[in-house]
Amino acid sequence: MKKFLALAITAAMLLSFAVIGTSAAEVYDGTSVSASLSGAGTEADPYLIANGADLAFFAANAVAGASYKLTADIVWASAAEATNWTPVEFNGTFDGNGHSISGLCVKGEKNAAFFATAAGAIKNLTIKDSTFEGSKYIAAIVGQVVAADAKESAPSLTIENCVSYATLISTKNSSLIGSMIGDAFANAKTPNYLTVTVSGCVNYGTISSTTDGTVYVGGIIGRTYGIPAIVENCANFGDLNSISAITGGIVGQGGISGDTYEGFSTKISNCLNTGNATGKRICGGIIGRAYPGVYVDGCVNTGSMTITATDAAKDGYNDQLGPITGHGPDARADAATFVNCGEITNCYNSAEAVFTNSNDAAAKPFYASLATNKTAAELNSAATVTALGDAWELKDGVLTLKIVATAGQVESAQPEVTEPEVTEPAPEDTKPADPVPTGDSALVFAVIAIISVLGVAAVAKRREN
């Protein structure tokens, strides 16, 4: 009987461990590097990154034009206190495959991001529990997008279905900071060529500037300038805390100053900002400064905007804020007729959002007029969803983007289910098979299994006596 009891308990414990499994990824040891990666580096057979040692190999040996895919969550470090990651110059395809990388830290570098520069495609990647603090180009995903000088060799960059929970900090003047891209720039006077698309991406992290100067701060992209750029189906939920010049809920600055080139535009559509933004001079719910060539459509802001400092000597220049864009003319008298900030259509703002200007809160009526104000009840209604289109939905009674529910995840193709014709009624006592327990239910199942085994053993013991 004792042998039976011991075997039963052992079996129950093994069963509980098998059912519960291991929920957290192991922390990388910080030193090991894989000798190589599985796969051929092609789109059909990408190089596979399964752990920290594989990621270390990738960082030191990224192959131009190759494809990479994560196969597991990776914890690079348990705490992000000191620099532990060297940003990678990348040209290829990186598929996060619905997994996350956490514990990254970069401090004091010009390019502070997972990728220093990038071209190609980055998708399905989540960055968590990480800090990127830098002096020029700061982002969770790509610090800087570098343009080519010839149209025929133009690279492109697509960032799709990515999520950032990272803390981003700019520490010097003239820097550019955004969760997905810090800067996407080409000189409009002598145009370089490049195409950037950011789609289905979400930021939850706090983005800050600690320097009192000209810094471009955006929830998704710090700046797009002189290139064709598309930002669509993106959301920012993180607060933007800046004591510097230009802040936007989605994009800090976009368009071309003083010049127009066909095709060199910034198009922002179906984007949501709920983060509160603070800026020194220019602050907008969707885009901080909108130069000509900017097109904003179907966007919603519910965040509050605050200008923290003004200069009376530059009346009208240091108090530019609005629910969609904060950019305006240098003379306040022209504010009611100024239209040279691109095209803004079908955009909405929460009537509860607060717009605070330390000099004159009502200085820019034109910019307030670029969005339709709605109360919470009006904003969170089927009518607003209909007006905005298929990218939007009501989730638990709150207006949001559909992509927010799936950002960072990989959608699996589901086979079509054909319902068979029922020729006979199913028996009344038919009982579906018990589901396989997962997560918390697995723990409950394991405990019940152990108690059941112990109970059976106790009964057997009493019978034996």
Protein backbone atom coordinates (compact mmCIF):
# COMPACT_ATOMS: atom_id res chain seq x y z
CA MET A 1 0.00 0.00 0.00
CA LYS A 2 2.83 2.41 0.83
CA LYS A 3 4.42 1.70 -2.54
CA PHE A 4 1.10 2.37 -4.25
CA LEU A 5 0.67 5.63 -2.37
CA ALA A 6 4.18 6.83 -3.26
CA LEU A 7 3.69 6.00 -6.93
CA ALA A 8 0.31 7.74 -6.97
CA ILE A 9 1.67 10.92 -5.44
CA THR A 10 4.66 10.94 -7.81
CA ALA A 11 2.37 10.47 -10.81
CA ALA A 12 0.09 13.27 -9.67
CA MET A 13 3.03 15.65 -9.18
CA LEU A 14 4.42 14.84 -12.61
CA LEU A 15 0.99 15.41 -14.09
CA SER A 16 0.72 18.80 -12.39
CA PHE A 17 4.13 19.92 -13.67
CA ALA A 18 3.30 18.76 -17.19
CA VAL A 19 -0.02 20.58 -17.20
CA ILE A 20 1.21 23.81 -15.61
CA GLY A 21 4.37 24.04 -17.69
CA THR A 22 6.76 27.02 -17.61
CA SER A 23 5.09 30.39 -18.22
CA ALA A 24 8.12 32.73 -18.21
CA ALA A 25 11.07 32.78 -20.59
CA GLU A 26 14.51 32.22 -19.07
CA VAL A 27 16.73 35.27 -18.66
CA TYR A 28 19.70 35.32 -21.08
CA ASP A 29 23.00 34.74 -19.30
CA GLY A 30 24.56 37.78 -20.98
CA THR A 31 27.60 36.04 -22.44
CA SER A 32 26.78 32.98 -24.54
CA VAL A 33 26.54 33.31 -28.32
CA SER A 34 25.23 30.65 -30.65
CA ALA A 35 27.64 29.29 -33.25
CA SER A 36 25.01 29.70 -35.97
CA LEU A 37 21.27 29.96 -36.54
CA SER A 38 18.89 27.33 -37.86
CA GLY A 39 17.42 28.05 -41.26
CA ALA A 40 18.65 29.32 -44.60
CA GLY A 41 17.82 33.03 -44.23
CA THR A 42 15.26 33.00 -47.01
CA GLU A 43 11.63 34.09 -46.83
CA ALA A 44 10.52 30.45 -47.02
CA ASP A 45 13.17 29.23 -44.58
CA PRO A 46 14.22 32.15 -42.35
CA TYR A 47 16.98 32.12 -39.78
CA LEU A 48 15.37 31.17 -36.45
CA ILE A 49 16.03 33.03 -33.19
CA ALA A 50 14.93 30.94 -30.21
CA ASN A 51 16.86 32.37 -27.23
CA GLY A 52 19.26 35.04 -26.02
CA ALA A 53 22.32 33.30 -27.44
CA ASP A 54 20.68 33.25 -30.87
CA LEU A 55 19.77 36.94 -30.55
CA ALA A 56 23.39 37.74 -29.63
CA PHE A 57 24.56 35.92 -32.77
CA PHE A 58 22.06 37.89 -34.88
CA ALA A 59 23.20 41.22 -33.40
CA ALA A 60 26.82 40.51 -34.32
CA ASN A 61 26.20 38.83 -37.67
CA ALA A 62 23.09 40.32 -39.31
CA VAL A 63 23.13 39.40 -43.00
CA ALA A 64 21.94 42.04 -45.48
CA GLY A 65 18.82 40.93 -47.33
CA ALA A 66 18.20 37.91 -45.07
CA SER A 67 15.00 36.92 -43.28
CA TYR A 68 14.84 36.25 -39.52
CA LYS A 69 12.06 34.96 -37.26
CA LEU A 70 11.63 34.74 -33.48
CA THR A 71 10.32 31.40 -32.22
CA ALA A 72 10.02 32.32 -28.52
CA ASP A 73 9.84 35.25 -26.11
CA ILE A 74 13.33 36.43 -25.13
CA VAL A 75 14.29 38.11 -21.87
CA TRP A 76 17.59 39.81 -22.63
CA ALA A 77 18.07 41.00 -19.04
CA SER A 78 16.02 40.96 -15.85
CA ALA A 79 16.51 44.71 -15.30
CA ALA A 80 17.25 47.50 -17.77
CA GLU A 81 19.62 49.66 -15.71
CA ALA A 82 22.80 49.82 -17.78
CA THR A 83 23.54 49.59 -21.50
CA ASN A 84 23.32 45.95 -22.55
CA TRP A 85 22.36 46.18 -26.23
CA THR A 86 24.20 47.47 -29.30
CA PRO A 87 21.66 48.70 -31.89
CA VAL A 88 21.84 46.75 -35.15
CA GLU A 89 22.13 48.25 -38.64
CA PHE A 90 19.62 46.09 -40.48
CA ASN A 91 18.46 45.51 -44.03
CA GLY A 92 16.15 42.53 -44.42
CA THR A 93 13.05 40.99 -42.87
CA PHE A 94 12.61 40.54 -39.12
CA ASP A 95 9.46 38.71 -38.07
CA GLY A 96 8.74 38.77 -34.34
CA ASN A 97 6.16 36.05 -34.99
CA GLY A 98 3.96 37.37 -32.16
CA HIS A 99 6.78 37.14 -29.61
CA SER A 100 8.44 39.75 -27.41
CA ILE A 101 11.95 40.87 -26.53
CA SER A 102 12.33 42.43 -23.09
CA GLY A 103 15.07 43.76 -20.84
CA LEU A 104 16.91 45.81 -23.47
CA CYS A 105 18.76 48.95 -22.40
CA VAL A 106 20.64 51.57 -24.43
CA LYS A 107 21.86 54.79 -22.82
CA GLY A 108 23.93 57.70 -24.11
CA GLU A 109 24.13 56.56 -27.73
CA LYS A 110 23.35 58.60 -30.87
CA ASN A 111 21.11 55.78 -32.09
CA ALA A 112 19.21 54.34 -29.15
CA ALA A 113 16.85 51.66 -30.47
CA PHE A 114 16.61 47.94 -31.19
CA PHE A 115 17.67 48.72 -34.77
CA ALA A 116 19.99 51.72 -35.25
CA THR A 117 18.95 51.98 -38.91
CA ALA A 118 16.74 49.74 -41.01
CA ALA A 119 15.35 49.00 -44.45
CA GLY A 120 13.11 46.10 -45.43
CA ALA A 121 10.32 44.79 -43.20
CA ILE A 122 9.88 44.51 -39.42
CA LYS A 123 6.68 42.91 -38.21
CA ASN A 124 4.82 41.17 -35.37
CA LEU A 125 7.39 42.28 -32.76
CA THR A 126 6.78 43.51 -29.21
CA ILE A 127 9.42 45.33 -27.14
CA LYS A 128 8.75 45.24 -23.37
CA ASP A 129 10.41 46.27 -20.08
CA SER A 130 13.13 48.16 -21.95
CA THR A 131 14.74 51.62 -21.86
CA PHE A 132 16.19 53.56 -24.79
CA GLU A 133 17.84 56.85 -23.81
CA GLY A 134 19.84 58.72 -26.42
CA SER A 135 21.18 61.92 -27.87
CA LYS A 136 19.86 61.92 -31.46
CA TYR A 137 17.63 59.11 -32.82
CA ILE A 138 15.58 57.29 -30.19
CA ALA A 139 12.95 54.58 -30.70
CA ALA A 140 11.93 51.13 -29.55
CA ILE A 141 12.15 49.72 -33.09
CA VAL A 142 14.19 51.87 -35.54
CA GLY A 143 16.26 54.91 -34.59
CA GLN A 144 16.85 56.33 -38.07
CA VAL A 145 15.70 55.61 -41.61
CA VAL A 146 18.43 56.49 -44.11
CA ALA A 147 17.42 57.54 -47.62
CA ALA A 148 19.22 56.67 -50.85
CA ASP A 149 20.49 59.26 -53.34
CA ALA A 150 19.09 57.53 -56.43
CA LYS A 151 15.51 56.56 -57.16
CA GLU A 152 16.44 53.24 -58.75
CA SER A 153 18.22 52.12 -55.59
CA ALA A 154 15.56 53.44 -53.23
CA PRO A 155 15.05 51.28 -50.16
CA SER A 156 11.75 50.96 -48.38
CA LEU A 157 10.86 50.23 -44.79
CA THR A 158 7.66 48.67 -43.56
CA ILE A 159 6.94 48.34 -39.84
CA GLU A 160 3.79 46.35 -39.30
CA ASN A 161 1.90 44.99 -36.30
CA CYS A 162 4.55 46.01 -33.75
CA VAL A 163 4.05 47.10 -30.13
CA SER A 164 6.22 49.11 -27.74
CA TYR A 165 6.00 49.20 -23.95
CA ALA A 166 9.49 50.72 -23.77
CA THR A 167 10.50 53.89 -21.95
CA LEU A 168 12.07 56.37 -24.40
CA ILE A 169 14.12 59.39 -23.32
CA SER A 170 15.79 62.13 -25.38
CA THR A 171 18.65 63.86 -23.58
CA LYS A 172 20.02 66.39 -26.10
CA ASN A 173 18.88 69.20 -28.36
CA SER A 174 17.97 68.49 -32.03
CA SER A 175 17.00 64.88 -31.37
CA LEU A 176 14.10 62.88 -32.78
CA ILE A 177 12.10 60.35 -30.80
CA GLY A 178 9.15 58.03 -31.49
CA SER A 179 8.15 54.51 -30.51
CA MET A 180 8.48 52.97 -33.99
CA ILE A 181 10.87 55.40 -35.74
CA GLY A 182 12.89 58.30 -34.40
CA ASP A 183 13.57 60.00 -37.75
CA ALA A 184 12.66 59.38 -41.40
CA PHE A 185 14.35 62.23 -43.25
CA ALA A 186 15.45 63.25 -46.72
CA ASN A 187 16.56 66.69 -47.88
CA ALA A 188 13.69 68.27 -49.82
CA LYS A 189 16.02 70.65 -51.71
CA THR A 190 17.86 67.73 -53.33
CA PRO A 191 15.37 64.89 -52.79
CA ASN A 192 16.61 61.53 -51.72
CA TYR A 193 14.36 58.54 -52.22
CA LEU A 194 12.78 56.24 -49.74
CA THR A 195 9.34 54.95 -48.79
CA VAL A 196 8.21 54.37 -45.20
CA THR A 197 5.03 52.63 -44.09
CA VAL A 198 4.05 52.11 -40.45
CA SER A 199 0.86 50.10 -40.10
CA GLY A 200 -1.04 48.50 -37.23
CA CYS A 201 1.46 49.59 -34.58
CA VAL A 202 0.74 50.56 -30.96
CA ASN A 203 2.69 52.41 -28.26
CA TYR A 204 2.00 52.06 -24.53
CA GLY A 205 5.32 53.40 -23.25
CA THR A 206 6.18 56.85 -21.90
CA ILE A 207 8.16 59.09 -24.24
CA SER A 208 10.09 62.01 -22.75
CA SER A 209 12.46 64.81 -23.66
CA THR A 210 14.65 66.18 -20.89
CA THR A 211 16.35 68.95 -22.87
CA ASP A 212 15.08 72.50 -23.33
CA GLY A 213 15.53 72.82 -27.09
CA THR A 214 14.21 71.67 -30.45
CA VAL A 215 13.27 68.00 -30.13
CA TYR A 216 10.72 66.23 -32.32
CA VAL A 217 8.55 63.95 -30.19
CA GLY A 218 5.92 61.60 -31.65
CA GLY A 219 3.97 58.68 -30.23
CA ILE A 220 4.73 56.61 -33.35
CA ILE A 221 7.30 58.62 -35.40
CA GLY A 222 9.37 61.59 -34.30
CA ARG A 223 9.70 63.16 -37.75
CA THR A 224 8.96 62.43 -41.42
CA TYR A 225 10.39 64.95 -43.85
CA GLY A 226 10.95 65.02 -47.60
CA ILE A 227 9.92 61.38 -48.17
CA PRO A 228 6.68 59.52 -48.95
CA ALA A 229 5.50 58.20 -45.59
CA ILE A 230 2.32 56.40 -44.58
CA VAL A 231 1.16 55.99 -40.98
CA GLU A 232 -2.08 54.03 -40.78
CA ASN A 233 -4.10 52.11 -38.18
CA CYS A 234 -1.75 53.10 -35.37
CA ALA A 235 -2.48 54.06 -31.76
CA ASN A 236 -0.63 55.84 -28.99
CA PHE A 237 -1.66 55.28 -25.36
CA GLY A 238 1.56 56.56 -23.77
CA ASP A 239 2.05 60.02 -22.31
CA LEU A 240 4.45 62.37 -24.09
CA ASN A 241 6.33 64.41 -21.53
CA SER A 242 8.42 67.03 -23.25
CA ILE A 243 9.98 70.32 -22.22
CA SER A 244 11.11 70.87 -25.81
CA ALA A 245 9.62 72.30 -28.97
CA ILE A 246 7.48 69.94 -31.05
CA THR A 247 5.18 67.18 -29.79
CA GLY A 248 2.52 65.11 -31.59
CA GLY A 249 0.40 62.18 -30.40
CA ILE A 250 1.22 60.13 -33.52
CA VAL A 251 3.87 62.11 -35.49
CA GLY A 252 6.02 64.96 -34.19
CA GLN A 253 6.48 66.67 -37.54
CA GLY A 254 5.68 65.80 -41.15
CA GLY A 255 5.65 67.31 -44.64
CA ILE A 256 8.07 69.66 -46.41
CA SER A 257 8.88 73.21 -45.37
CA GLY A 258 8.46 75.73 -48.18
CA ASP A 259 8.69 73.20 -51.02
CA THR A 260 6.36 70.71 -52.62
CA TYR A 261 7.47 67.61 -54.47
CA GLU A 262 4.88 65.32 -55.96
CA GLY A 263 4.78 62.07 -54.00
CA PHE A 264 6.80 63.36 -51.05
CA SER A 265 3.94 63.45 -48.57
CA THR A 266 3.06 62.26 -45.09
CA LYS A 267 -0.30 60.49 -44.92
CA ILE A 268 -1.79 59.71 -41.52
CA SER A 269 -5.05 57.79 -41.46
CA ASN A 270 -7.15 55.85 -38.95
CA CYS A 271 -4.94 56.70 -35.99
CA LEU A 272 -5.86 57.14 -32.33
CA ASN A 273 -4.15 59.11 -29.60
CA THR A 274 -5.27 58.87 -25.97
CA GLY A 275 -1.96 59.94 -24.42
CA ASN A 276 -1.60 63.33 -22.77
CA ALA A 277 1.04 65.48 -24.46
CA THR A 278 3.12 68.33 -23.08
CA GLY A 279 5.32 70.54 -25.22
CA LYS A 280 7.19 73.80 -24.99
CA ARG A 281 6.04 75.44 -28.21
CA ILE A 282 4.01 73.22 -30.57
CA CYS A 283 1.67 70.44 -29.49
CA GLY A 284 -0.94 68.48 -31.48
CA GLY A 285 -3.15 65.49 -30.71
CA ILE A 286 -2.19 63.66 -33.93
CA ILE A 287 0.72 65.64 -35.44
CA GLY A 288 2.68 68.42 -33.76
CA ARG A 289 3.73 70.38 -36.86
CA ALA A 290 2.00 69.77 -40.20
CA TYR A 291 3.83 71.28 -43.14
CA PRO A 292 2.42 71.21 -46.70
CA GLY A 293 2.21 67.67 -48.01
CA VAL A 294 0.58 66.33 -44.84
CA TYR A 295 -2.75 64.53 -45.15
CA VAL A 296 -4.65 63.49 -42.02
CA ASP A 297 -7.91 61.56 -42.30
CA GLY A 298 -10.14 59.54 -39.98
CA CYS A 299 -8.14 60.20 -36.81
CA VAL A 300 -9.27 60.64 -33.20
CA ASN A 301 -7.69 62.40 -30.23
CA THR A 302 -8.86 62.04 -26.63
CA GLY A 303 -5.64 63.20 -24.96
CA SER A 304 -5.08 66.59 -23.33
CA MET A 305 -2.49 68.99 -24.79
CA THR A 306 -0.43 71.46 -22.78
CA ILE A 307 2.00 74.19 -23.79
CA THR A 308 4.31 74.77 -20.84
CA ALA A 309 6.19 77.94 -21.84
CA THR A 310 5.81 80.86 -24.21
CA ASP A 311 7.87 83.81 -25.28
CA ALA A 312 5.98 87.09 -25.49
CA ALA A 313 8.53 88.35 -28.01
CA LYS A 314 7.41 85.64 -30.42
CA ASP A 315 3.69 86.17 -30.03
CA GLY A 316 1.75 83.48 -31.89
CA TYR A 317 4.81 81.30 -32.49
CA ASN A 318 5.19 79.72 -29.08
CA ASP A 319 1.57 78.82 -28.39
CA GLN A 320 0.58 76.48 -31.19
CA LEU A 321 -1.64 73.64 -30.04
CA GLY A 322 -4.69 71.83 -31.31
CA PRO A 323 -6.61 68.53 -31.23
CA ILE A 324 -5.18 67.35 -34.57
CA THR A 325 -2.23 69.62 -35.39
CA GLY A 326 -0.56 72.34 -33.37
CA HIS A 327 1.30 74.00 -36.23
CA GLY A 328 0.33 77.57 -37.15
CA PRO A 329 1.51 80.79 -38.74
CA ASP A 330 3.97 83.03 -36.99
CA ALA A 331 1.41 85.84 -36.78
CA ARG A 332 -1.63 85.21 -34.61
CA ALA A 333 -3.74 87.55 -36.74
CA ASP A 334 -3.53 85.04 -39.61
CA ALA A 335 -4.64 82.06 -37.53
CA ALA A 336 -8.27 82.10 -38.70
CA THR A 337 -7.34 81.85 -42.39
CA PHE A 338 -4.12 79.85 -42.34
CA VAL A 339 -4.58 76.70 -44.38
CA ASN A 340 -1.03 75.80 -45.33
CA CYS A 341 -0.84 72.83 -42.95
CA GLY A 342 -1.83 70.09 -45.37
CA GLU A 343 -5.29 68.57 -45.57
CA ILE A 344 -7.17 67.40 -42.48
CA THR A 345 -10.52 65.62 -42.92
CA ASN A 346 -13.00 63.53 -40.90
CA CYS A 347 -11.15 63.89 -37.58
CA TYR A 348 -12.66 63.93 -34.10
CA ASN A 349 -11.68 65.18 -30.67
CA SER A 350 -13.00 64.40 -27.22
CA ALA A 351 -14.85 67.37 -25.76
CA GLU A 352 -13.42 66.34 -22.38
CA ALA A 353 -9.80 66.77 -23.55
CA VAL A 354 -8.18 69.85 -22.01
CA PHE A 355 -6.04 72.25 -24.06
CA THR A 356 -3.88 74.50 -21.91
CA ASN A 357 -1.70 77.36 -23.11
CA SER A 358 0.16 79.33 -20.49
CA ASN A 359 -0.10 82.46 -22.65
CA ASP A 360 -3.53 82.33 -24.30
CA ALA A 361 -5.63 79.18 -24.33
CA ALA A 362 -7.87 80.50 -27.14
CA ALA A 363 -5.06 81.78 -29.35
CA LYS A 364 -5.62 79.35 -32.20
CA PRO A 365 -9.32 78.92 -33.01
CA PHE A 366 -8.47 77.72 -36.52
CA TYR A 367 -6.64 74.64 -35.24
CA ALA A 368 -9.46 73.78 -32.87
CA SER A 369 -11.80 73.87 -35.87
CA LEU A 370 -9.88 71.12 -37.70
CA ALA A 371 -11.56 68.45 -35.56
CA THR A 372 -15.19 67.84 -34.66
CA ASN A 373 -15.61 67.96 -30.90
CA LYS A 374 -17.74 65.17 -29.44
CA THR A 375 -18.85 64.35 -25.92
CA ALA A 376 -17.93 60.94 -24.54
CA ALA A 377 -21.40 59.63 -25.37
CA GLU A 378 -21.18 60.95 -28.94
CA LEU A 379 -17.64 59.73 -29.47
CA ASN A 380 -18.34 56.24 -28.13
CA SER A 381 -21.29 55.65 -30.41
CA ALA A 382 -22.18 53.54 -33.42
CA ALA A 383 -22.68 56.75 -35.42
CA THR A 384 -19.03 57.76 -34.92
CA VAL A 385 -17.84 54.26 -35.85
CA THR A 386 -19.88 54.51 -39.06
CA ALA A 387 -18.43 57.95 -39.83
CA LEU A 388 -14.85 56.75 -39.29
CA GLY A 389 -15.13 53.47 -41.18
CA ASP A 390 -14.22 49.79 -40.95
CA ALA A 391 -10.94 50.29 -39.06
CA TRP A 392 -12.87 51.30 -35.92
CA GLU A 393 -15.12 49.55 -33.42
CA LEU A 394 -16.75 49.89 -30.02
CA LYS A 395 -14.95 47.66 -27.52
CA ASP A 396 -16.64 47.48 -24.12
CA GLY A 397 -18.51 50.62 -25.11
CA VAL A 398 -15.35 52.61 -25.95
CA LEU A 399 -14.29 53.76 -29.42
CA THR A 400 -11.03 52.14 -30.46
CA LEU A 401 -9.12 50.77 -33.42
CA LYS A 402 -9.66 47.12 -34.28
CA ILE A 403 -5.92 46.65 -34.71
CA VAL A 404 -5.31 47.41 -31.02
CA ALA A 405 -6.76 44.03 -30.03
CA THR A 406 -4.39 42.11 -32.31
CA ALA A 407 -1.26 44.28 -32.55
CA GLY A 408 1.86 42.19 -32.04
CA GLN A 409 0.03 38.93 -32.59
CA VAL A 410 0.15 36.66 -35.61
CA GLU A 411 -3.21 35.77 -37.03
CA SER A 412 -3.46 32.05 -37.80
CA ALA A 413 -5.40 31.07 -40.85
CA GLN A 414 -8.46 29.14 -39.79
CA PRO A 415 -9.83 26.44 -42.11
CA GLU A 416 -13.38 26.88 -43.25
CA VAL A 417 -15.82 24.83 -41.22
CA THR A 418 -18.52 23.12 -43.23
CA GLU A 419 -21.56 22.28 -41.18
CA PRO A 420 -22.78 18.74 -42.02
CA GLU A 421 -26.44 18.23 -42.75
CA VAL A 422 -28.24 16.88 -39.69
CA THR A 423 -30.31 13.82 -40.63
CA GLU A 424 -31.09 12.60 -37.12
CA PRO A 425 -31.46 14.55 -33.89
CA ALA A 426 -28.46 14.33 -31.59
CA PRO A 427 -29.03 12.29 -28.42
CA GLU A 428 -30.08 14.44 -25.48
CA ASP A 429 -27.37 13.01 -23.20
CA THR A 430 -24.49 13.86 -25.56
CA LYS A 431 -21.75 15.55 -23.56
CA PRO A 432 -18.83 17.41 -25.13
CA ALA A 433 -15.32 16.30 -24.31
CA ASP A 434 -13.71 18.10 -21.39
CA PRO A 435 -11.34 20.83 -22.57
CA VAL A 436 -7.61 20.57 -21.98
CA PRO A 437 -6.86 22.91 -19.06
CA THR A 438 -4.48 25.82 -19.56
CA GLY A 439 -3.12 28.66 -17.44
CA ASP A 440 -4.81 29.09 -14.05
CA SER A 441 -7.28 26.28 -14.78
CA ALA A 442 -4.32 23.96 -15.21
CA LEU A 443 -3.19 24.66 -11.67
CA VAL A 444 -6.66 23.96 -10.32
CA PHE A 445 -6.79 20.74 -12.34
CA ALA A 446 -3.43 19.61 -10.98
CA VAL A 447 -4.43 20.28 -7.37
CA ILE A 448 -7.69 18.39 -7.84
CA ALA A 449 -5.75 15.50 -9.36
CA ILE A 450 -3.43 15.30 -6.38
CA ILE A 451 -6.30 15.49 -3.88
CA SER A 452 -8.20 12.81 -5.79
CA VAL A 453 -5.24 10.46 -5.79
CA LEU A 454 -4.64 11.02 -2.10
CA GLY A 455 -8.34 10.36 -1.42
CA VAL A 456 -8.27 7.08 -3.34
CA ALA A 457 -5.12 6.07 -1.48
CA ALA A 458 -6.74 6.87 1.88
CA VAL A 459 -9.80 4.75 1.08
CA ALA A 460 -7.58 1.89 0.01
CA LYS A 461 -5.62 2.23 3.24
CA ARG A 462 -8.79 2.01 5.37
CA ARG A 463 -9.92 -1.09 3.49
CA GLU A 464 -6.51 -2.63 4.02
CA ASN A 465 -6.82 -2.09 7.78
